[in-house]
PDB file of all heavy atoms in Angstrom:
ATOM      1  N   SER A   1      85.145 105.727 113.524  1.00  0.00           N
ATOM      2  CA  SER A   1      86.261 105.806 114.475  1.00  0.00           C
ATOM      3  C   SER A   1      85.964 106.853 115.529  1.00  0.00           C
ATOM      4  O   SER A   1      85.182 107.776 115.316  1.00  0.00           O
ATOM      5  CB  SER A   1      87.568 106.147 113.745  1.00  0.00           C
ATOM      6  OG  SER A   1      87.517 107.468 113.220  1.00  0.00           O
ATOM      7  N   GLY A   2      86.615 106.662 116.649  1.00  0.00           N
ATOM      8  CA  GLY A   2      86.543 107.654 117.727  1.00  0.00           C
ATOM      9  C   GLY A   2      87.925 107.880 118.276  1.00  0.00           C
ATOM     10  O   GLY A   2      88.628 106.921 118.609  1.00  0.00           O
ATOM     11  N   ALA A   3      88.336 109.134 118.366  1.00  0.00           N
ATOM     12  CA  ALA A   3      89.672 109.473 118.856  1.00  0.00           C
ATOM     13  C   ALA A   3      89.537 110.383 120.078  1.00  0.00           C
ATOM     14  O   ALA A   3      88.773 111.362 120.062  1.00  0.00           O
ATOM     15  CB  ALA A   3      90.470 110.165 117.769  1.00  0.00           C
ATOM     16  N   TYR A   4      90.291 110.064 121.104  1.00  0.00           N
ATOM     17  CA  TYR A   4      90.366 110.905 122.309  1.00  0.00           C
ATOM     18  C   TYR A   4      91.790 111.431 122.402  1.00  0.00           C
ATOM     19  O   TYR A   4      92.760 110.654 122.448  1.00  0.00           O
ATOM     20  CB  TYR A   4      90.022 110.105 123.559  1.00  0.00           C
ATOM     21  CG  TYR A   4      90.121 110.915 124.828  1.00  0.00           C
ATOM     22  CD1 TYR A   4      89.041 111.659 125.277  1.00  0.00           C
ATOM     23  CD2 TYR A   4      91.299 110.938 125.564  1.00  0.00           C
ATOM     24  CE1 TYR A   4      89.126 112.411 126.428  1.00  0.00           C
ATOM     25  CE2 TYR A   4      91.403 111.688 126.721  1.00  0.00           C
ATOM     26  CZ  TYR A   4      90.308 112.433 127.145  1.00  0.00           C
ATOM     27  OH  TYR A   4      90.408 113.187 128.290  1.00  0.00           O
ATOM     28  N   TYR A   5      91.929 112.773 122.470  1.00  0.00           N
ATOM     29  CA  TYR A   5      93.251 113.381 122.456  1.00  0.00           C
ATOM     30  C   TYR A   5      93.649 113.792 123.872  1.00  0.00           C
ATOM     31  O   TYR A   5      92.895 114.458 124.585  1.00  0.00           O
ATOM     32  CB  TYR A   5      93.263 114.592 121.524  1.00  0.00           C
ATOM     33  CG  TYR A   5      93.171 114.207 120.073  1.00  0.00           C
ATOM     34  CD1 TYR A   5      91.938 114.152 119.420  1.00  0.00           C
ATOM     35  CD2 TYR A   5      94.308 113.851 119.358  1.00  0.00           C
ATOM     36  CE1 TYR A   5      91.847 113.783 118.081  1.00  0.00           C
ATOM     37  CE2 TYR A   5      94.223 113.469 118.023  1.00  0.00           C
ATOM     38  CZ  TYR A   5      92.994 113.431 117.398  1.00  0.00           C
ATOM     39  OH  TYR A   5      92.910 113.042 116.093  1.00  0.00           O
ATOM     40  N   PHE A   6      94.859 113.360 124.193  1.00  0.00           N
ATOM     41  CA  PHE A   6      95.391 113.703 125.516  1.00  0.00           C
ATOM     42  C   PHE A   6      95.908 115.131 125.547  1.00  0.00           C
ATOM     43  O   PHE A   6      95.935 115.767 126.599  1.00  0.00           O
ATOM     44  CB  PHE A   6      96.518 112.741 125.887  1.00  0.00           C
ATOM     45  CG  PHE A   6      96.113 111.295 125.799  1.00  0.00           C
ATOM     46  CD1 PHE A   6      96.686 110.443 124.856  1.00  0.00           C
ATOM     47  CD2 PHE A   6      95.146 110.781 126.647  1.00  0.00           C
ATOM     48  CE1 PHE A   6      96.312 109.115 124.774  1.00  0.00           C
ATOM     49  CE2 PHE A   6      94.774 109.445 126.572  1.00  0.00           C
ATOM     50  CZ  PHE A   6      95.356 108.611 125.623  1.00  0.00           C
ATOM     51  N   ASN A   7      96.347 115.613 124.419  1.00  0.00           N
ATOM     52  CA  ASN A   7      96.798 116.991 124.305  1.00  0.00           C
ATOM     53  C   ASN A   7      96.519 117.450 122.890  1.00  0.00           C
ATOM     54  O   ASN A   7      95.736 116.821 122.163  1.00  0.00           O
ATOM     55  CB  ASN A   7      98.276 117.131 124.684  1.00  0.00           C
ATOM     56  CG  ASN A   7      99.167 116.201 123.899  1.00  0.00           C
ATOM     57  OD1 ASN A   7      98.987 116.044 122.695  1.00  0.00           O
ATOM     58  ND2 ASN A   7     100.133 115.569 124.567  1.00  0.00           N
ATOM     59  N   LYS A   8      97.165 118.481 122.496  1.00  0.00           N
ATOM     60  CA  LYS A   8      96.888 119.059 121.189  1.00  0.00           C
ATOM     61  C   LYS A   8      97.301 118.148 120.041  1.00  0.00           C
ATOM     62  O   LYS A   8      96.716 118.207 118.948  1.00  0.00           O
ATOM     63  CB  LYS A   8      97.617 120.405 121.088  1.00  0.00           C
ATOM     64  CG  LYS A   8      97.314 121.215 119.846  1.00  0.00           C
ATOM     65  CD  LYS A   8      98.011 122.568 119.926  1.00  0.00           C
ATOM     66  CE  LYS A   8      97.708 123.409 118.691  1.00  0.00           C
ATOM     67  NZ  LYS A   8      98.358 124.734 118.750  1.00  0.00           N
ATOM     68  N   TYR A   9      98.268 117.224 120.298  1.00  0.00           N
ATOM     69  CA  TYR A   9      98.851 116.464 119.201  1.00  0.00           C
ATOM     70  C   TYR A   9      98.661 114.956 119.294  1.00  0.00           C
ATOM     71  O   TYR A   9      98.661 114.272 118.270  1.00  0.00           O
ATOM     72  CB  TYR A   9     100.358 116.749 119.116  1.00  0.00           C
ATOM     73  CG  TYR A   9     100.672 118.209 118.980  1.00  0.00           C
ATOM     74  CD1 TYR A   9     101.139 118.940 120.070  1.00  0.00           C
ATOM     75  CD2 TYR A   9     100.490 118.874 117.777  1.00  0.00           C
ATOM     76  CE1 TYR A   9     101.442 120.287 119.958  1.00  0.00           C
ATOM     77  CE2 TYR A   9     100.780 120.225 117.646  1.00  0.00           C
ATOM     78  CZ  TYR A   9     101.249 120.929 118.748  1.00  0.00           C
ATOM     79  OH  TYR A   9     101.521 122.265 118.628  1.00  0.00           O
ATOM     80  N   VAL A  10      98.528 114.379 120.476  1.00  0.00           N
ATOM     81  CA  VAL A  10      98.571 112.931 120.651  1.00  0.00           C
ATOM     82  C   VAL A  10      97.290 112.463 121.297  1.00  0.00           C
ATOM     83  O   VAL A  10      96.784 113.091 122.238  1.00  0.00           O
ATOM     84  CB  VAL A  10      99.785 112.504 121.502  1.00  0.00           C
ATOM     85  CG1 VAL A  10      99.812 110.979 121.666  1.00  0.00           C
ATOM     86  CG2 VAL A  10     101.074 112.996 120.876  1.00  0.00           C
ATOM     87  N   GLY A  11      96.776 111.303 120.785  1.00  0.00           N
ATOM     88  CA  GLY A  11      95.592 110.719 121.363  1.00  0.00           C
ATOM     89  C   GLY A  11      95.549 109.231 121.130  1.00  0.00           C
ATOM     90  O   GLY A  11      96.505 108.609 120.646  1.00  0.00           O
ATOM     91  N   ALA A  12      94.429 108.624 121.495  1.00  0.00           N
ATOM     92  CA  ALA A  12      94.190 107.202 121.267  1.00  0.00           C
ATOM     93  C   ALA A  12      92.942 107.066 120.412  1.00  0.00           C
ATOM     94  O   ALA A  12      91.979 107.844 120.560  1.00  0.00           O
ATOM     95  CB  ALA A  12      94.031 106.475 122.590  1.00  0.00           C
ATOM     96  N   GLU A  13      92.954 106.048 119.519  1.00  0.00           N
ATOM     97  CA  GLU A  13      91.871 105.926 118.552  1.00  0.00           C
ATOM     98  C   GLU A  13      91.374 104.492 118.478  1.00  0.00           C
ATOM     99  O   GLU A  13      92.165 103.533 118.613  1.00  0.00           O
ATOM    100  CB  GLU A  13      92.346 106.369 117.169  1.00  0.00           C
ATOM    101  CG  GLU A  13      91.265 106.359 116.101  1.00  0.00           C
ATOM    102  CD  GLU A  13      91.802 106.777 114.746  1.00  0.00           C
ATOM    103  OE1 GLU A  13      93.005 106.580 114.490  1.00  0.00           O
ATOM    104  OE2 GLU A  13      91.000 107.337 113.958  1.00  0.00           O
ATOM    105  N   GLY A  14      90.095 104.347 118.288  1.00  0.00           N
ATOM    106  CA  GLY A  14      89.494 103.061 118.014  1.00  0.00           C
ATOM    107  C   GLY A  14      88.738 103.120 116.689  1.00  0.00           C
ATOM    108  O   GLY A  14      88.038 104.111 116.428  1.00  0.00           O
ATOM    109  N   ILE A  15      88.894 102.055 115.854  1.00  0.00           N
ATOM    110  CA  ILE A  15      88.286 102.064 114.525  1.00  0.00           C
ATOM    111  C   ILE A  15      87.507 100.766 114.336  1.00  0.00           C
ATOM    112  O   ILE A  15      87.968  99.672 114.713  1.00  0.00           O
ATOM    113  CB  ILE A  15      89.349 102.204 113.428  1.00  0.00           C
ATOM    114  CG1 ILE A  15      90.106 103.546 113.569  1.00  0.00           C
ATOM    115  CG2 ILE A  15      88.721 102.112 112.043  1.00  0.00           C
ATOM    116  CD1 ILE A  15      91.207 103.720 112.547  1.00  0.00           C
ATOM    117  N   PHE A  16      86.340 100.894 113.720  1.00  0.00           N
ATOM    118  CA  PHE A  16      85.570  99.736 113.277  1.00  0.00           C
ATOM    119  C   PHE A  16      85.316  99.887 111.787  1.00  0.00           C
ATOM    120  O   PHE A  16      84.874 100.957 111.332  1.00  0.00           O
ATOM    121  CB  PHE A  16      84.237  99.621 114.013  1.00  0.00           C
ATOM    122  CG  PHE A  16      83.357  98.547 113.464  1.00  0.00           C
ATOM    123  CD1 PHE A  16      83.611  97.211 113.767  1.00  0.00           C
ATOM    124  CD2 PHE A  16      82.302  98.855 112.607  1.00  0.00           C
ATOM    125  CE1 PHE A  16      82.800  96.214 113.249  1.00  0.00           C
ATOM    126  CE2 PHE A  16      81.494  97.864 112.101  1.00  0.00           C
ATOM    127  CZ  PHE A  16      81.744  96.521 112.417  1.00  0.00           C
ATOM    128  N   ILE A  17      85.580  98.798 111.024  1.00  0.00           N
ATOM    129  CA  ILE A  17      85.389  98.819 109.575  1.00  0.00           C
ATOM    130  C   ILE A  17      84.578  97.593 109.178  1.00  0.00           C
ATOM    131  O   ILE A  17      84.839  96.470 109.643  1.00  0.00           O
ATOM    132  CB  ILE A  17      86.742  98.808 108.831  1.00  0.00           C
ATOM    133  CG1 ILE A  17      87.659  99.932 109.337  1.00  0.00           C
ATOM    134  CG2 ILE A  17      86.528  98.930 107.329  1.00  0.00           C
ATOM    135  CD1 ILE A  17      89.066  99.878 108.781  1.00  0.00           C
ATOM    136  N   ASP A  18      83.621  97.820 108.298  1.00  0.00           N
ATOM    137  CA  ASP A  18      82.823  96.705 107.785  1.00  0.00           C
ATOM    138  C   ASP A  18      82.794  96.797 106.256  1.00  0.00           C
ATOM    139  O   ASP A  18      82.275  97.767 105.693  1.00  0.00           O
ATOM    140  CB  ASP A  18      81.405  96.770 108.341  1.00  0.00           C
ATOM    141  CG  ASP A  18      80.583  95.540 107.933  1.00  0.00           C
ATOM    142  OD1 ASP A  18      81.171  94.577 107.428  1.00  0.00           O
ATOM    143  OD2 ASP A  18      79.350  95.590 108.148  1.00  0.00           O
ATOM    144  N   ASN A  19      83.403  95.770 105.610  1.00  0.00           N
ATOM    145  CA  ASN A  19      83.358  95.637 104.145  1.00  0.00           C
ATOM    146  C   ASN A  19      82.693  94.292 103.823  1.00  0.00           C
ATOM    147  O   ASN A  19      83.371  93.282 103.616  1.00  0.00           O
ATOM    148  CB  ASN A  19      84.764  95.677 103.551  1.00  0.00           C
ATOM    149  CG  ASN A  19      85.511  96.943 103.942  1.00  0.00           C
ATOM    150  OD1 ASN A  19      86.413  96.897 104.775  1.00  0.00           O
ATOM    151  ND2 ASN A  19      85.146  98.066 103.336  1.00  0.00           N
ATOM    152  N   PRO A  20      81.369  94.228 103.755  1.00  0.00           N
ATOM    153  CA  PRO A  20      80.683  92.934 103.730  1.00  0.00           C
ATOM    154  C   PRO A  20      80.351  92.397 102.343  1.00  0.00           C
ATOM    155  O   PRO A  20      79.959  91.255 102.213  1.00  0.00           O
ATOM    156  CB  PRO A  20      79.398  93.241 104.468  1.00  0.00           C
ATOM    157  CG  PRO A  20      79.105  94.663 104.092  1.00  0.00           C
ATOM    158  CD  PRO A  20      80.431  95.334 103.938  1.00  0.00           C
ATOM    159  N   ASP A  21      80.477  93.193 101.300  1.00  0.00           N
ATOM    160  CA  ASP A  21      79.838  92.815 100.029  1.00  0.00           C
ATOM    161  C   ASP A  21      80.837  92.589  98.905  1.00  0.00           C
ATOM    162  O   ASP A  21      80.710  93.102  97.791  1.00  0.00           O
ATOM    163  CB  ASP A  21      78.834  93.894  99.615  1.00  0.00           C
ATOM    164  CG  ASP A  21      77.692  93.987 100.613  1.00  0.00           C
ATOM    165  OD1 ASP A  21      77.324  92.941 101.174  1.00  0.00           O
ATOM    166  OD2 ASP A  21      77.194  95.115 100.830  1.00  0.00           O
ATOM    167  N   GLY A  22      81.903  91.787  99.171  1.00  0.00           N
ATOM    168  CA  GLY A  22      82.791  91.395  98.081  1.00  0.00           C
ATOM    169  C   GLY A  22      82.214  90.206  97.313  1.00  0.00           C
ATOM    170  O   GLY A  22      81.063  89.808  97.515  1.00  0.00           O
ATOM    171  N   VAL A  23      83.036  89.625  96.435  1.00  0.00           N
ATOM    172  CA  VAL A  23      82.595  88.429  95.692  1.00  0.00           C
ATOM    173  C   VAL A  23      82.760  87.240  96.628  1.00  0.00           C
ATOM    174  O   VAL A  23      83.796  86.556  96.633  1.00  0.00           O
ATOM    175  CB  VAL A  23      83.413  88.239  94.403  1.00  0.00           C
ATOM    176  CG1 VAL A  23      82.885  87.022  93.620  1.00  0.00           C
ATOM    177  CG2 VAL A  23      83.352  89.495  93.541  1.00  0.00           C
ATOM    178  N   ASN A  24      81.772  87.115  97.473  1.00  0.00           N
ATOM    179  CA  ASN A  24      81.793  86.110  98.539  1.00  0.00           C
ATOM    180  C   ASN A  24      82.924  86.345  99.528  1.00  0.00           C
ATOM    181  O   ASN A  24      83.337  85.449 100.229  1.00  0.00           O
ATOM    182  CB  ASN A  24      81.883  84.690  97.980  1.00  0.00           C
ATOM    183  CG  ASN A  24      81.310  83.673  98.954  1.00  0.00           C
ATOM    184  OD1 ASN A  24      80.351  83.988  99.664  1.00  0.00           O
ATOM    185  ND2 ASN A  24      81.880  82.484  99.009  1.00  0.00           N
ATOM    186  N   ASP A  25      83.438  87.616  99.492  1.00  0.00           N
ATOM    187  CA  ASP A  25      84.479  87.994 100.458  1.00  0.00           C
ATOM    188  C   ASP A  25      83.864  89.039 101.391  1.00  0.00           C
ATOM    189  O   ASP A  25      83.148  89.945 100.945  1.00  0.00           O
ATOM    190  CB  ASP A  25      85.688  88.606  99.762  1.00  0.00           C
ATOM    191  CG  ASP A  25      86.325  87.630  98.777  1.00  0.00           C
ATOM    192  OD1 ASP A  25      86.238  86.433  99.047  1.00  0.00           O
ATOM    193  OD2 ASP A  25      86.912  88.102  97.783  1.00  0.00           O
ATOM    194  N   GLY A  26      84.190  88.961 102.657  1.00  0.00           N
ATOM    195  CA  GLY A  26      83.688  89.940 103.617  1.00  0.00           C
ATOM    196  C   GLY A  26      84.678  90.144 104.740  1.00  0.00           C
ATOM    197  O   GLY A  26      85.354  89.201 105.161  1.00  0.00           O
ATOM    198  N   PHE A  27      84.738  91.423 105.219  1.00  0.00           N
ATOM    199  CA  PHE A  27      85.724  91.749 106.253  1.00  0.00           C
ATOM    200  C   PHE A  27      85.074  92.678 107.276  1.00  0.00           C
ATOM    201  O   PHE A  27      84.468  93.710 106.909  1.00  0.00           O
ATOM    202  CB  PHE A  27      86.944  92.446 105.632  1.00  0.00           C
ATOM    203  CG  PHE A  27      87.655  91.626 104.613  1.00  0.00           C
ATOM    204  CD1 PHE A  27      87.298  91.708 103.267  1.00  0.00           C
ATOM    205  CD2 PHE A  27      88.668  90.759 104.991  1.00  0.00           C
ATOM    206  CE1 PHE A  27      87.940  90.938 102.323  1.00  0.00           C
ATOM    207  CE2 PHE A  27      89.324  89.998 104.018  1.00  0.00           C
ATOM    208  CZ  PHE A  27      88.960  90.075 102.690  1.00  0.00           C
ATOM    209  N   GLN A  28      85.153  92.319 108.545  1.00  0.00           N
ATOM    210  CA  GLN A  28      84.806  93.202 109.664  1.00  0.00           C
ATOM    211  C   GLN A  28      86.037  93.286 110.557  1.00  0.00           C
ATOM    212  O   GLN A  28      86.598  92.251 110.932  1.00  0.00           O
ATOM    213  CB  GLN A  28      83.618  92.697 110.469  1.00  0.00           C
ATOM    214  CG  GLN A  28      82.304  92.723 109.719  1.00  0.00           C
ATOM    215  CD  GLN A  28      82.042  91.459 108.956  1.00  0.00           C
ATOM    216  OE1 GLN A  28      82.352  90.360 109.426  1.00  0.00           O
ATOM    217  NE2 GLN A  28      81.502  91.578 107.753  1.00  0.00           N
ATOM    218  N   ALA A  29      86.424  94.552 110.895  1.00  0.00           N
ATOM    219  CA  ALA A  29      87.679  94.719 111.619  1.00  0.00           C
ATOM    220  C   ALA A  29      87.514  95.732 112.729  1.00  0.00           C
ATOM    221  O   ALA A  29      86.697  96.671 112.642  1.00  0.00           O
ATOM    222  CB  ALA A  29      88.782  95.161 110.669  1.00  0.00           C
ATOM    223  N   GLY A  30      88.295  95.570 113.763  1.00  0.00           N
ATOM    224  CA  GLY A  30      88.363  96.538 114.860  1.00  0.00           C
ATOM    225  C   GLY A  30      89.803  96.776 115.239  1.00  0.00           C
ATOM    226  O   GLY A  30      90.592  95.829 115.331  1.00  0.00           O
ATOM    227  N   TYR A  31      90.171  98.065 115.489  1.00  0.00           N
ATOM    228  CA  TYR A  31      91.558  98.423 115.771  1.00  0.00           C
ATOM    229  C   TYR A  31      91.615  99.396 116.944  1.00  0.00           C
ATOM    230  O   TYR A  31      90.703 100.215 117.141  1.00  0.00           O
ATOM    231  CB  TYR A  31      92.206  99.084 114.547  1.00  0.00           C
ATOM    232  CG  TYR A  31      92.301  98.203 113.347  1.00  0.00           C
ATOM    233  CD1 TYR A  31      91.284  98.195 112.396  1.00  0.00           C
ATOM    234  CD2 TYR A  31      93.413  97.381 113.154  1.00  0.00           C
ATOM    235  CE1 TYR A  31      91.364  97.397 111.283  1.00  0.00           C
ATOM    236  CE2 TYR A  31      93.490  96.568 112.025  1.00  0.00           C
ATOM    237  CZ  TYR A  31      92.469  96.582 111.099  1.00  0.00           C
ATOM    238  OH  TYR A  31      92.547  95.783 110.002  1.00  0.00           O
ATOM    239  N   LEU A  32      92.711  99.362 117.651  1.00  0.00           N
ATOM    240  CA  LEU A  32      93.034 100.335 118.690  1.00  0.00           C
ATOM    241  C   LEU A  32      94.488 100.731 118.531  1.00  0.00           C
ATOM    242  O   LEU A  32      95.339  99.881 118.222  1.00  0.00           O
ATOM    243  CB  LEU A  32      92.826  99.755 120.086  1.00  0.00           C
ATOM    244  CG  LEU A  32      91.391  99.509 120.541  1.00  0.00           C
ATOM    245  CD1 LEU A  32      91.381  98.803 121.892  1.00  0.00           C
ATOM    246  CD2 LEU A  32      90.632 100.824 120.627  1.00  0.00           C
ATOM    247  N   GLY A  33      94.761 102.034 118.777  1.00  0.00           N
ATOM    248  CA  GLY A  33      96.142 102.472 118.687  1.00  0.00           C
ATOM    249  C   GLY A  33      96.263 103.969 118.825  1.00  0.00           C
ATOM    250  O   GLY A  33      95.273 104.697 118.928  1.00  0.00           O
ATOM    251  N   PRO A  34      97.507 104.457 118.797  1.00  0.00           N
ATOM    252  CA  PRO A  34      97.729 105.901 118.934  1.00  0.00           C
ATOM    253  C   PRO A  34      97.426 106.646 117.637  1.00  0.00           C
ATOM    254  O   PRO A  34      97.487 106.076 116.547  1.00  0.00           O
ATOM    255  CB  PRO A  34      99.207 105.995 119.290  1.00  0.00           C
ATOM    256  CG  PRO A  34      99.812 104.783 118.665  1.00  0.00           C
ATOM    257  CD  PRO A  34      98.778 103.699 118.741  1.00  0.00           C
ATOM    258  N   ILE A  35      97.109 107.920 117.829  1.00  0.00           N
ATOM    259  CA  ILE A  35      96.891 108.813 116.693  1.00  0.00           C
ATOM    260  C   ILE A  35      97.624 110.113 116.947  1.00  0.00           C
ATOM    261  O   ILE A  35      97.716 110.569 118.093  1.00  0.00           O
ATOM    262  CB  ILE A  35      95.397 109.056 116.431  1.00  0.00           C
ATOM    263  CG1 ILE A  35      95.189 109.908 115.178  1.00  0.00           C
ATOM    264  CG2 ILE A  35      94.721 109.716 117.633  1.00  0.00           C
ATOM    265  CD1 ILE A  35      93.743 109.998 114.725  1.00  0.00           C
ATOM    266  N   PHE A  36      98.166 110.687 115.897  1.00  0.00           N
ATOM    267  CA  PHE A  36      98.937 111.909 115.980  1.00  0.00           C
ATOM    268  C   PHE A  36      98.350 112.909 114.984  1.00  0.00           C
ATOM    269  O   PHE A  36      97.941 112.527 113.885  1.00  0.00           O
ATOM    270  CB  PHE A  36     100.406 111.639 115.647  1.00  0.00           C
ATOM    271  CG  PHE A  36     101.011 110.540 116.464  1.00  0.00           C
ATOM    272  CD1 PHE A  36     100.952 109.219 116.007  1.00  0.00           C
ATOM    273  CD2 PHE A  36     101.611 110.796 117.671  1.00  0.00           C
ATOM    274  CE1 PHE A  36     101.492 108.189 116.756  1.00  0.00           C
ATOM    275  CE2 PHE A  36     102.150 109.759 118.421  1.00  0.00           C
ATOM    276  CZ  PHE A  36     102.089 108.460 117.980  1.00  0.00           C
ATOM    277  N   ARG A  37      98.297 114.179 115.401  1.00  0.00           N
ATOM    278  CA  ARG A  37      97.713 115.166 114.509  1.00  0.00           C
ATOM    279  C   ARG A  37      98.530 116.450 114.528  1.00  0.00           C
ATOM    280  O   ARG A  37      99.275 116.733 115.475  1.00  0.00           O
ATOM    281  CB  ARG A  37      96.276 115.471 114.896  1.00  0.00           C
ATOM    282  CG  ARG A  37      96.121 116.168 116.236  1.00  0.00           C
ATOM    283  CD  ARG A  37      94.662 116.424 116.556  1.00  0.00           C
ATOM    284  NE  ARG A  37      94.505 116.942 117.918  1.00  0.00           N
ATOM    285  CZ  ARG A  37      93.329 117.230 118.463  1.00  0.00           C
ATOM    286  NH1 ARG A  37      92.213 117.012 117.776  1.00  0.00           N
ATOM    287  NH2 ARG A  37      93.263 117.689 119.694  1.00  0.00           N
ATOM    288  N   ALA A  38      98.327 117.240 113.461  1.00  0.00           N
ATOM    289  CA  ALA A  38      98.972 118.543 113.340  1.00  0.00           C
ATOM    290  C   ALA A  38      97.900 119.566 112.997  1.00  0.00           C
ATOM    291  O   ALA A  38      97.570 119.773 111.825  1.00  0.00           O
ATOM    292  CB  ALA A  38     100.057 118.500 112.263  1.00  0.00           C
TER     293      ALA A  38
END
């Protein structure tokens, strides 16, 4: 993931996830959205 913060608390984040090795199950995902931190 990569997060860019506009200020000390709020930013935008992008995530990539790869879970390829299930029992013939596989998942690749990409997300975008806000992130909040303390």
